Amino acid sequence: MPQGIIVKAISGFYYVQDGEDVRQCRARGVFKKEGISPLVGDRVEYTPIGGKEGVVEKVFPRRWELVRPPVANIDQAVLTFSVREPEFNAKLLDRMLVQLERVGLPAVIVLTKLDLLDDPAQAEAWIAPYREMGYATAAVSTASQTGLDEVRDLLRGKLSGLAGNSGVGKSTLLNSLVPGLNLAIGEISQKLGRGKHTTRHSEIFRIFEDTYVIDTPGFATLEFTDLEPARLSECFRDVWEISHDCKYRGCLHEGEDGCAVRTAAEVGTINRARYEHYLEFLAEVKEAKEWRY
């Protein structure tokens, strides 16, 4: 039975790419009974019907699965943030990193619209702490074509999930990487200060040989619905590294006696804003746990 990869899913149709061919497929009803919902990025078996249609018969086991955005089997997530229009959002970046760290999915951080900054050094100030923690990073301006080769190197040979809030320039970035792609580009809402959604569904694009990107719809919130409070610090690389020096095992790094993390934030060993984000997320995690029980 032929195999392929789901490159797009819209209104119950799954577009399966097998070599150069793309077929519009339905999924067998058994998937619904088994609670399986095919995702963009799934490797599948299908039965061809006619010239360009088919039926998805089997979904192979996934290496990775994300709920929001709903994609599977990506090698890394490329977290895309603009420096202006909309403003850089460090809290959302940290929230997204927590979600990736908890499942062990590598993250790449890309800042866009570098040309909108009066002082390009500001972008370096934002991104340097993450690079020091071991994340791969890049800063780009599609207007001046700055940083695009660096992004190409980060993407090469991988299936990457391109994620970020609406309006940060994901589609513009893809258009710059793939001449002729011509994805729709949204305007920025002056009233709300954020982008209008242009990507309506997740879709895989081949940007060059053996290199694919999943463009995903913009999103604004990610909830911590099933994360245990004690595990949150593991999802903050800087907090986790310092936490081994805490006086007591099981320290949640709030106000406990002998907390090395709190001390590190006070003296500047770790980023104070990151620590404050950790405390905000911890409160959310605790509240979510109370609702579960």
Foldseek 3Di string as FASTA:
>chain_A
DDKFFFFWDDPQWTWTDDPPATATEHEDPVCVVVVHDDFGGWIFDWADDPDGYTYTDDTDDFPDADVVVGHTNFQAEEEEAECVLQHGDVLVVLVVLLSCLVSVHAYEYEYEPCVVDPDSVVVCVSCVQVVVLPHHYFYAYLVVRPGLVVVCVVQPLTEYEYAAAARRCPVVSLCSLAPPPDQDHFHRDPVVSGTDWRDPTWGWDDSDPNGIYTYGIHDDDDADQPDALLCSLSSVSVSVVQQVQAPDPSDSQDDDPRGRSVVCLVVVVDPVVSVVSSVVNSVRNVVSVVVVD
